[in-house]
Amino acid sequence: MKITHRAGWILVDPWTIIENGYVRVCDGLIEEVGQGHSSGGHVIDHGPGAIMPGFVNAHTHLELCALKGQVSFDALFDKGFRLWVEQLINLRDAEEMENLLKGAKQGVKELIESGTGVVGEISTLGITKDILANSSLAGIWFKEYLGNNSIAKIRCNEKKGRIVTSLAAHAPHTTAPELLVNLKNVAKKNNLPLSIHVAESEDEIRFLSTGKGEWADFLSERGIDFSGWSLPVESPVKYLNRLGLLDKKTIAVHLIHADKDDFEMLLRYNAFVCMCFRSNHYLHQRLPDLTGMLDAGLKPCLGTDSLACVDSLSMFDETAFISNAFPLVPPSEILAMATINGANALNVEDSFGTLDPGKSGQFIYVPINATNKSGLLEAIVNADFKATPTSKIMLCGK
């Protein structure tokens, strides 16, 4: 069956915008995008707003949704990131599994209702895979590993629903180098991305550069022996490169403490970078050097991180924050970060990220008003649907 979706604006991608256009879907795939009217099949006129690709939230932790509002930020200000992490782990471990699952299901609902179509979910406990697979979301479920544990058989590349399973290494300051390499090799063998937190905190930098400090004490208290980790290292990014982890199937997340040399190295190996700006602001009172990344030629994607450290999973909230924090970054660049860049990072660009023919016929309608293309981009990037609760982002297509 053919269905034609009409709207005041069709945002094929951040640089291709059609006024008074349509998207025709046939058998779940986009068949045609054009201007004016189409006679193909049943016609749905969504209104004067914009039809656009669903957002790609490339870094979430849905199993932490139940902890929203529970983790105190006072620990950050008083005693640093290590104490905040310790508090988070204790709260998570004390939570009833039923509540963690309920929170994750609510998180999936929030993602969909705020316009996300593709997700990169990081799961330490392993409890969110079926929840995602049974939803309308597409993307990758990353099973996360850390410590010195030697895993006899690491598996990935299982497909269920629209979700594919892959692997995540927690971070270079929490995961033994042998395990990092093992995880990368398995993901690479299956042609899947590996996700890893990199250069996120001062505690991480101090530990990797000296082998000492608060984080060293924290690992020792948790029974993680790091004596064989070949520390110190020059920088987290250079350390990953030394281990052979940087390539076009690696997603480096956060990069708050990264510089021009790091950016050039990431670009040289075609690694992807994922930013979580609101999380970085709340947890560290510091933001990554987005301008430096863009100047270096990197194409960042976006994630919201978890509800333990941000107040929503809305990518609209994320893009509005970026627009305010980096006013010189064009709205088209911010939208690319939230759509096509994330699709590329999660290896789903053949189906998602733009509204090109042949791609998935699932997209969103955004109820905004604009009189020209530049105004449209500004309106989308800065949309505040919490301030206008009568507005509704609509999932359309199949």
Protein backbone atom coordinates (compact mmCIF):
# COMPACT_ATOMS: atom_id res chain seq x y z
CA MET A 1 0.00 0.00 0.00
CA LYS A 2 1.18 3.48 -0.87
CA ILE A 3 0.75 6.37 1.54
CA THR A 4 1.69 9.95 0.75
CA HIS A 5 2.60 12.18 3.70
CA ARG A 6 2.34 15.93 3.07
CA ALA A 7 3.58 18.88 5.14
CA GLY A 8 4.56 22.50 4.86
CA TRP A 9 8.20 21.46 4.86
CA ILE A 10 10.10 18.28 4.07
CA LEU A 11 13.57 18.13 5.58
CA VAL A 12 15.28 15.44 3.52
CA ASP A 13 18.54 16.23 5.29
CA PRO A 14 19.88 19.43 6.90
CA TRP A 15 20.91 20.79 3.49
CA THR A 16 18.00 19.58 1.35
CA ILE A 17 14.69 21.19 2.29
CA ILE A 18 11.50 21.17 0.25
CA GLU A 19 8.69 23.66 0.84
CA ASN A 20 5.13 22.36 0.50
CA GLY A 21 6.26 18.82 -0.16
CA TYR A 22 5.49 15.17 0.30
CA VAL A 23 7.05 11.82 1.16
CA ARG A 24 5.50 8.79 -0.49
CA VAL A 25 5.95 5.46 1.31
CA CYS A 26 5.40 2.05 -0.22
CA ASP A 27 5.77 -1.22 1.70
CA GLY A 28 7.58 0.49 4.54
CA LEU A 29 10.19 2.26 2.41
CA ILE A 30 10.38 5.79 1.02
CA GLU A 31 9.50 5.63 -2.66
CA GLU A 32 9.55 9.31 -3.61
CA VAL A 33 10.12 12.76 -2.11
CA GLY A 34 8.92 15.82 -3.97
CA GLN A 35 7.22 19.21 -4.01
CA GLY A 36 3.55 19.95 -4.45
CA HIS A 37 1.00 17.17 -4.71
CA SER A 38 1.38 13.46 -5.38
CA SER A 39 -1.36 11.19 -6.64
CA GLY A 40 0.24 8.09 -5.19
CA GLY A 41 -2.05 6.24 -2.79
CA HIS A 42 -3.74 7.50 0.35
CA VAL A 43 -2.76 11.07 1.25
CA ILE A 44 -2.21 12.30 4.83
CA ASP A 45 -1.75 16.04 5.23
CA HIS A 46 0.08 16.56 8.52
CA GLY A 47 -0.05 20.36 8.51
CA PRO A 48 2.23 23.40 8.08
CA GLY A 49 5.11 21.98 10.11
CA ALA A 50 8.00 19.77 9.02
CA ILE A 51 8.42 16.11 8.19
CA MET A 52 12.00 15.13 8.99
CA PRO A 53 14.12 12.08 9.84
CA GLY A 54 13.72 10.71 13.32
CA PHE A 55 16.55 11.63 15.66
CA VAL A 56 19.45 9.29 16.35
CA ASN A 57 20.28 9.18 20.07
CA ALA A 58 23.65 7.45 19.81
CA HIS A 59 24.38 7.12 23.54
CA THR A 60 21.86 6.24 26.23
CA HIS A 61 21.78 4.19 29.45
CA LEU A 62 18.13 3.19 29.75
CA GLU A 63 18.74 0.85 32.67
CA LEU A 64 19.43 3.97 34.78
CA CYS A 65 16.11 5.69 34.03
CA ALA A 66 14.67 4.60 37.38
CA LEU A 67 17.37 6.66 39.12
CA LYS A 68 16.14 9.98 37.74
CA GLY A 69 16.36 12.60 40.48
CA GLN A 70 17.96 10.20 42.97
CA VAL A 71 21.66 10.81 42.38
CA SER A 72 22.87 13.86 44.29
CA PHE A 73 25.05 16.34 42.43
CA ASP A 74 26.38 17.63 45.75
CA ALA A 75 28.96 14.81 45.70
CA LEU A 76 30.33 16.22 42.46
CA PHE A 77 30.83 19.67 43.86
CA ASP A 78 32.18 18.47 47.22
CA LYS A 79 34.24 15.37 46.44
CA GLY A 80 34.52 14.91 42.69
CA PHE A 81 33.37 12.52 39.98
CA ARG A 82 34.58 9.37 41.73
CA LEU A 83 32.14 9.87 44.60
CA TRP A 84 29.27 10.56 42.20
CA VAL A 85 29.98 7.30 40.34
CA GLU A 86 30.15 5.40 43.61
CA GLN A 87 26.80 6.83 44.65
CA LEU A 88 25.28 5.92 41.27
CA ILE A 89 26.47 2.31 41.47
CA ASN A 90 25.20 1.87 45.03
CA LEU A 91 21.77 3.27 44.13
CA ARG A 92 21.52 1.10 41.02
CA ASP A 93 22.53 -2.06 42.89
CA ALA A 94 20.01 -1.33 45.65
CA GLU A 95 17.13 -0.76 43.23
CA GLU A 96 14.57 -3.49 42.65
CA MET A 97 14.94 -5.11 39.23
CA GLU A 98 11.25 -4.52 38.60
CA ASN A 99 11.78 -0.77 39.01
CA LEU A 100 14.82 -0.76 36.73
CA LEU A 101 12.82 -2.52 34.02
CA LYS A 102 9.84 -0.21 34.50
CA GLY A 103 12.13 2.82 34.24
CA ALA A 104 13.72 1.49 31.05
CA LYS A 105 10.30 0.94 29.45
CA GLN A 106 9.32 4.48 30.37
CA GLY A 107 12.60 5.70 28.91
CA VAL A 108 11.85 3.99 25.58
CA LYS A 109 8.43 5.65 25.57
CA GLU A 110 10.03 9.05 26.20
CA LEU A 111 12.54 8.53 23.40
CA ILE A 112 9.84 7.71 20.88
CA GLU A 113 7.49 10.50 21.98
CA SER A 114 10.29 13.07 21.69
CA GLY A 115 11.18 12.11 18.13
CA THR A 116 13.94 9.52 18.41
CA GLY A 117 13.85 6.69 15.88
CA VAL A 118 17.31 5.16 16.33
CA VAL A 119 19.22 4.52 19.56
CA GLY A 120 22.61 3.39 20.77
CA GLU A 121 21.89 1.83 24.16
CA ILE A 122 24.70 0.98 26.57
CA SER A 123 23.79 -1.77 29.04
CA THR A 124 25.97 -2.99 31.88
CA LEU A 125 23.33 -5.18 33.53
CA GLY A 126 22.05 -6.55 30.22
CA ILE A 127 18.39 -5.92 31.00
CA THR A 128 17.28 -3.58 28.21
CA LYS A 129 17.80 -5.67 25.07
CA ASP A 130 14.32 -7.20 24.88
CA ILE A 131 12.66 -3.91 25.84
CA LEU A 132 14.30 -2.22 22.88
CA ALA A 133 13.72 -5.12 20.52
CA ASN A 134 10.00 -5.07 21.27
CA SER A 135 9.73 -1.33 20.54
CA SER A 136 9.58 0.61 17.27
CA LEU A 137 13.15 1.85 17.80
CA ALA A 138 16.02 0.74 15.59
CA GLY A 139 19.71 0.79 16.39
CA ILE A 140 22.32 -1.02 18.46
CA TRP A 141 22.22 -2.52 21.94
CA PHE A 142 25.77 -2.43 23.32
CA LYS A 143 26.65 -4.91 26.09
CA GLU A 144 29.16 -3.10 28.27
CA TYR A 145 32.20 -4.66 29.97
CA LEU A 146 34.75 -3.31 32.44
CA GLY A 147 37.41 -4.41 34.91
CA ASN A 148 39.88 -7.27 34.45
CA ASN A 149 37.31 -9.96 33.77
CA SER A 150 38.43 -12.47 31.17
CA ILE A 151 35.33 -13.31 29.16
CA ALA A 152 35.48 -16.83 27.76
CA LYS A 153 33.14 -16.11 24.89
CA ILE A 154 31.98 -12.64 23.95
CA ARG A 155 29.02 -12.64 21.63
CA CYS A 156 27.39 -10.00 19.47
CA ASN A 157 25.58 -9.53 16.15
CA GLU A 158 22.29 -10.97 17.37
CA LYS A 159 19.34 -9.39 15.58
CA LYS A 160 15.91 -8.99 17.14
CA GLY A 161 13.30 -6.57 15.89
CA ARG A 162 15.18 -3.56 14.59
CA ILE A 163 17.96 -3.95 17.15
CA VAL A 164 21.41 -5.45 16.59
CA THR A 165 23.65 -6.35 19.53
CA SER A 166 27.24 -5.15 19.76
CA LEU A 167 29.85 -4.45 22.45
CA ALA A 168 30.96 -1.52 24.59
CA ALA A 169 34.11 -1.13 26.61
CA HIS A 170 33.31 1.11 29.54
CA ALA A 171 36.42 3.31 29.45
CA PRO A 172 40.23 3.14 29.31
CA HIS A 173 40.43 3.97 33.03
CA THR A 174 38.06 1.16 34.08
CA THR A 175 38.82 -1.64 31.63
CA ALA A 176 41.97 -3.74 31.33
CA PRO A 177 43.86 -3.28 28.05
CA GLU A 178 43.58 -6.99 27.21
CA LEU A 179 39.81 -6.82 27.57
CA LEU A 180 39.66 -3.62 25.50
CA VAL A 181 41.52 -5.34 22.67
CA ASN A 182 39.41 -8.48 22.94
CA LEU A 183 36.16 -6.52 22.76
CA LYS A 184 37.39 -4.55 19.77
CA ASN A 185 38.49 -7.66 17.92
CA VAL A 186 35.12 -9.37 18.39
CA ALA A 187 33.17 -6.27 17.28
CA LYS A 188 35.48 -5.79 14.31
CA LYS A 189 35.12 -9.42 13.24
CA ASN A 190 31.35 -8.89 13.15
CA ASN A 191 31.71 -5.52 11.34
CA LEU A 192 29.98 -3.73 14.22
CA PRO A 193 30.78 -0.53 16.13
CA LEU A 194 32.46 -0.59 19.53
CA SER A 195 31.40 2.17 21.92
CA ILE A 196 33.69 3.51 24.64
CA HIS A 197 33.68 6.46 27.06
CA VAL A 198 36.88 8.46 26.54
CA ALA A 199 38.47 11.50 28.23
CA GLU A 200 35.38 12.29 30.29
CA SER A 201 36.68 13.35 33.71
CA GLU A 202 39.64 14.88 35.48
CA ASP A 203 39.82 11.74 37.63
CA GLU A 204 40.30 9.67 34.47
CA ILE A 205 43.04 11.94 33.12
CA ARG A 206 44.90 11.99 36.44
CA PHE A 207 44.74 8.20 36.78
CA LEU A 208 45.86 7.43 33.23
CA SER A 209 48.66 9.99 33.30
CA THR A 210 50.05 8.97 36.70
CA GLY A 211 48.57 5.60 37.70
CA LYS A 212 47.55 7.22 40.97
CA GLY A 213 44.85 9.41 42.49
CA GLU A 214 41.22 9.09 43.55
CA TRP A 215 40.38 6.74 40.70
CA ALA A 216 43.25 4.42 41.51
CA ASP A 217 41.93 4.18 45.06
CA PHE A 218 38.40 3.56 43.75
CA LEU A 219 39.52 0.67 41.51
CA SER A 220 41.51 -0.88 44.33
CA GLU A 221 38.52 -0.68 46.67
CA ARG A 222 36.42 -2.51 44.07
CA GLY A 223 39.01 -5.26 43.66
CA ILE A 224 40.21 -4.22 40.19
CA ASP A 225 43.95 -4.79 39.83
CA PHE A 226 45.42 -2.26 37.38
CA SER A 227 49.07 -3.01 38.06
CA GLY A 228 49.46 -4.58 34.62
CA TRP A 229 47.82 -1.78 32.65
CA SER A 230 51.11 -0.18 31.47
CA LEU A 231 50.44 3.20 33.01
CA PRO A 232 51.06 6.10 32.71
CA VAL A 233 49.94 7.04 29.18
CA GLU A 234 50.10 10.31 27.26
CA SER A 235 46.34 10.75 26.72
CA PRO A 236 43.25 8.51 26.62
CA VAL A 237 42.90 8.90 22.85
CA LYS A 238 46.56 8.12 22.19
CA TYR A 239 46.27 5.13 24.54
CA LEU A 240 43.36 3.74 22.52
CA ASN A 241 45.36 4.22 19.36
CA ARG A 242 48.33 2.39 20.88
CA LEU A 243 46.01 -0.54 21.59
CA GLY A 244 44.71 -0.50 18.01
CA LEU A 245 41.17 0.49 18.97
CA LEU A 246 40.74 3.48 16.66
CA ASP A 247 39.08 2.88 13.32
CA LYS A 248 35.82 3.59 11.47
CA LYS A 249 33.95 1.16 13.73
CA THR A 250 34.82 2.89 17.01
CA ILE A 251 32.56 5.44 18.73
CA ALA A 252 34.49 7.56 21.23
CA VAL A 253 32.02 9.14 23.68
CA HIS A 254 32.42 12.45 25.59
CA LEU A 255 35.99 13.67 24.84
CA ILE A 256 35.74 16.56 27.29
CA HIS A 257 39.48 16.44 27.92
CA ALA A 258 40.66 16.10 24.33
CA ASP A 259 42.67 18.53 22.22
CA LYS A 260 43.61 19.28 18.63
CA ASP A 261 46.14 16.43 18.47
CA ASP A 262 43.48 14.01 19.70
CA PHE A 263 40.97 15.28 17.15
CA GLU A 264 43.46 14.87 14.33
CA MET A 265 44.24 11.33 15.45
CA LEU A 266 40.54 10.41 15.61
CA LEU A 267 40.04 11.86 12.13
CA ARG A 268 43.10 10.05 10.76
CA TYR A 269 41.62 6.70 11.78
CA ASN A 270 38.04 7.70 10.78
CA ALA A 271 36.75 7.09 14.30
CA PHE A 272 33.34 8.46 15.24
CA VAL A 273 32.81 10.79 18.17
CA CYS A 274 29.63 11.11 20.21
CA MET A 275 28.85 14.12 22.39
CA CYS A 276 26.52 14.33 25.40
CA PHE A 277 26.60 18.06 26.12
CA ARG A 278 23.93 18.38 28.81
CA SER A 279 25.41 15.47 30.74
CA ASN A 280 28.89 16.98 30.48
CA HIS A 281 27.59 20.31 31.74
CA TYR A 282 25.74 18.85 34.71
CA LEU A 283 28.41 16.34 35.74
CA HIS A 284 31.61 18.21 34.98
CA GLN A 285 30.70 21.89 34.46
CA ARG A 286 32.74 21.66 31.27
CA LEU A 287 31.94 21.04 27.60
CA PRO A 288 33.91 19.37 24.82
CA ASP A 289 35.61 21.60 22.25
CA LEU A 290 32.92 21.28 19.60
CA THR A 291 34.34 24.09 17.48
CA GLY A 292 37.75 22.45 17.52
CA MET A 293 36.25 19.12 16.49
CA LEU A 294 34.38 20.66 13.58
CA ASP A 295 37.43 22.65 12.49
CA ALA A 296 39.45 19.43 12.51
CA GLY A 297 36.91 17.82 10.17
CA LEU A 298 35.19 15.49 12.63
CA LYS A 299 31.45 14.90 12.29
CA PRO A 300 30.15 14.39 15.84
CA CYS A 301 26.93 12.61 16.67
CA LEU A 302 24.80 13.14 19.77
CA GLY A 303 23.51 11.22 22.76
CA THR A 304 21.56 12.24 25.83
CA ASP A 305 23.38 9.94 28.27
CA SER A 306 21.16 8.73 31.15
CA LEU A 307 18.33 10.17 33.22
CA ALA A 308 20.63 9.82 36.22
CA CYS A 309 22.45 12.92 34.95
CA VAL A 310 20.02 14.78 32.64
CA ASP A 311 16.37 15.69 33.05
CA SER A 312 15.11 14.29 29.76
CA LEU A 313 15.95 11.93 26.90
CA SER A 314 14.72 14.46 24.34
CA MET A 315 17.10 15.19 21.49
CA PHE A 316 15.26 18.50 21.05
CA ASP A 317 16.51 19.46 24.51
CA GLU A 318 20.01 18.40 23.46
CA THR A 319 20.02 20.42 20.22
CA ALA A 320 18.61 23.50 21.98
CA PHE A 321 21.36 23.27 24.59
CA ILE A 322 24.04 23.07 21.89
CA SER A 323 22.53 26.00 20.00
CA ASN A 324 22.68 28.12 23.14
CA ALA A 325 26.19 26.98 24.16
CA PHE A 326 27.69 27.26 20.68
CA PRO A 327 25.79 30.06 18.91
CA LEU A 328 28.25 30.17 15.99
CA VAL A 329 27.64 26.54 15.03
CA PRO A 330 25.06 26.52 12.18
CA PRO A 331 21.70 24.85 12.90
CA SER A 332 22.27 22.59 9.89
CA GLU A 333 25.42 21.24 11.55
CA ILE A 334 23.57 20.60 14.81
CA LEU A 335 20.78 18.77 12.98
CA ALA A 336 23.34 16.68 11.11
CA MET A 337 24.81 15.69 14.48
CA ALA A 338 21.35 14.61 15.63
CA THR A 339 20.46 12.63 12.49
CA ILE A 340 22.79 11.52 9.68
CA ASN A 341 26.01 11.62 11.75
CA GLY A 342 24.45 9.32 14.33
CA ALA A 343 23.13 6.99 11.64
CA ASN A 344 26.64 6.74 10.20
CA ALA A 345 28.16 6.05 13.63
CA LEU A 346 25.64 3.28 14.39
CA ASN A 347 26.05 1.75 10.95
CA VAL A 348 22.41 2.28 9.94
CA GLU A 349 22.87 5.03 7.34
CA ASP A 350 21.38 2.81 4.61
CA SER A 351 18.00 3.01 6.35
CA PHE A 352 18.00 6.09 8.60
CA GLY A 353 19.36 9.61 9.01
CA THR A 354 17.83 11.18 5.88
CA LEU A 355 14.58 10.90 3.90
CA ASP A 356 16.12 9.63 0.68
CA PRO A 357 14.23 7.10 -1.46
CA GLY A 358 14.94 3.53 -0.44
CA LYS A 359 15.31 4.35 3.25
CA SER A 360 12.94 3.51 6.08
CA GLY A 361 9.49 5.00 5.74
CA GLN A 362 9.42 5.91 9.44
CA PHE A 363 9.97 9.58 10.23
CA ILE A 364 8.55 12.35 12.41
CA TYR A 365 6.31 15.36 11.95
CA VAL A 366 7.34 18.41 13.97
CA PRO A 367 4.53 20.96 14.59
CA ILE A 368 6.42 24.21 14.09
CA ASN A 369 5.84 27.30 11.97
CA ALA A 370 8.47 28.81 9.68
CA THR A 371 8.43 31.20 6.73
CA ASN A 372 11.79 30.27 5.19
CA LYS A 373 14.40 27.52 5.27
CA SER A 374 16.80 29.20 7.67
CA GLY A 375 13.95 29.96 10.03
CA LEU A 376 12.86 26.33 9.80
CA LEU A 377 16.26 25.04 10.87
CA GLU A 378 16.44 27.53 13.74
CA ALA A 379 12.94 26.55 14.89
CA ILE A 380 13.70 22.82 14.87
CA VAL A 381 17.02 23.12 16.67
CA ASN A 382 15.58 25.43 19.34
CA ALA A 383 12.16 23.80 19.72
CA ASP A 384 10.98 23.64 23.32
CA PHE A 385 8.08 21.24 23.56
CA LYS A 386 8.08 21.36 27.35
CA ALA A 387 7.16 25.05 27.09
CA THR A 388 4.39 24.29 24.60
CA PRO A 389 2.81 21.06 25.83
CA THR A 390 -0.03 21.28 23.31
CA SER A 391 2.51 20.68 20.54
CA LYS A 392 3.03 17.04 19.70
CA ILE A 393 5.81 15.36 17.79
CA MET A 394 4.20 12.72 15.64
CA LEU A 395 5.75 9.46 14.48
CA CYS A 396 4.53 8.84 10.96
CA GLY A 397 5.22 6.32 8.23
CA LYS A 398 6.19 2.72 8.90
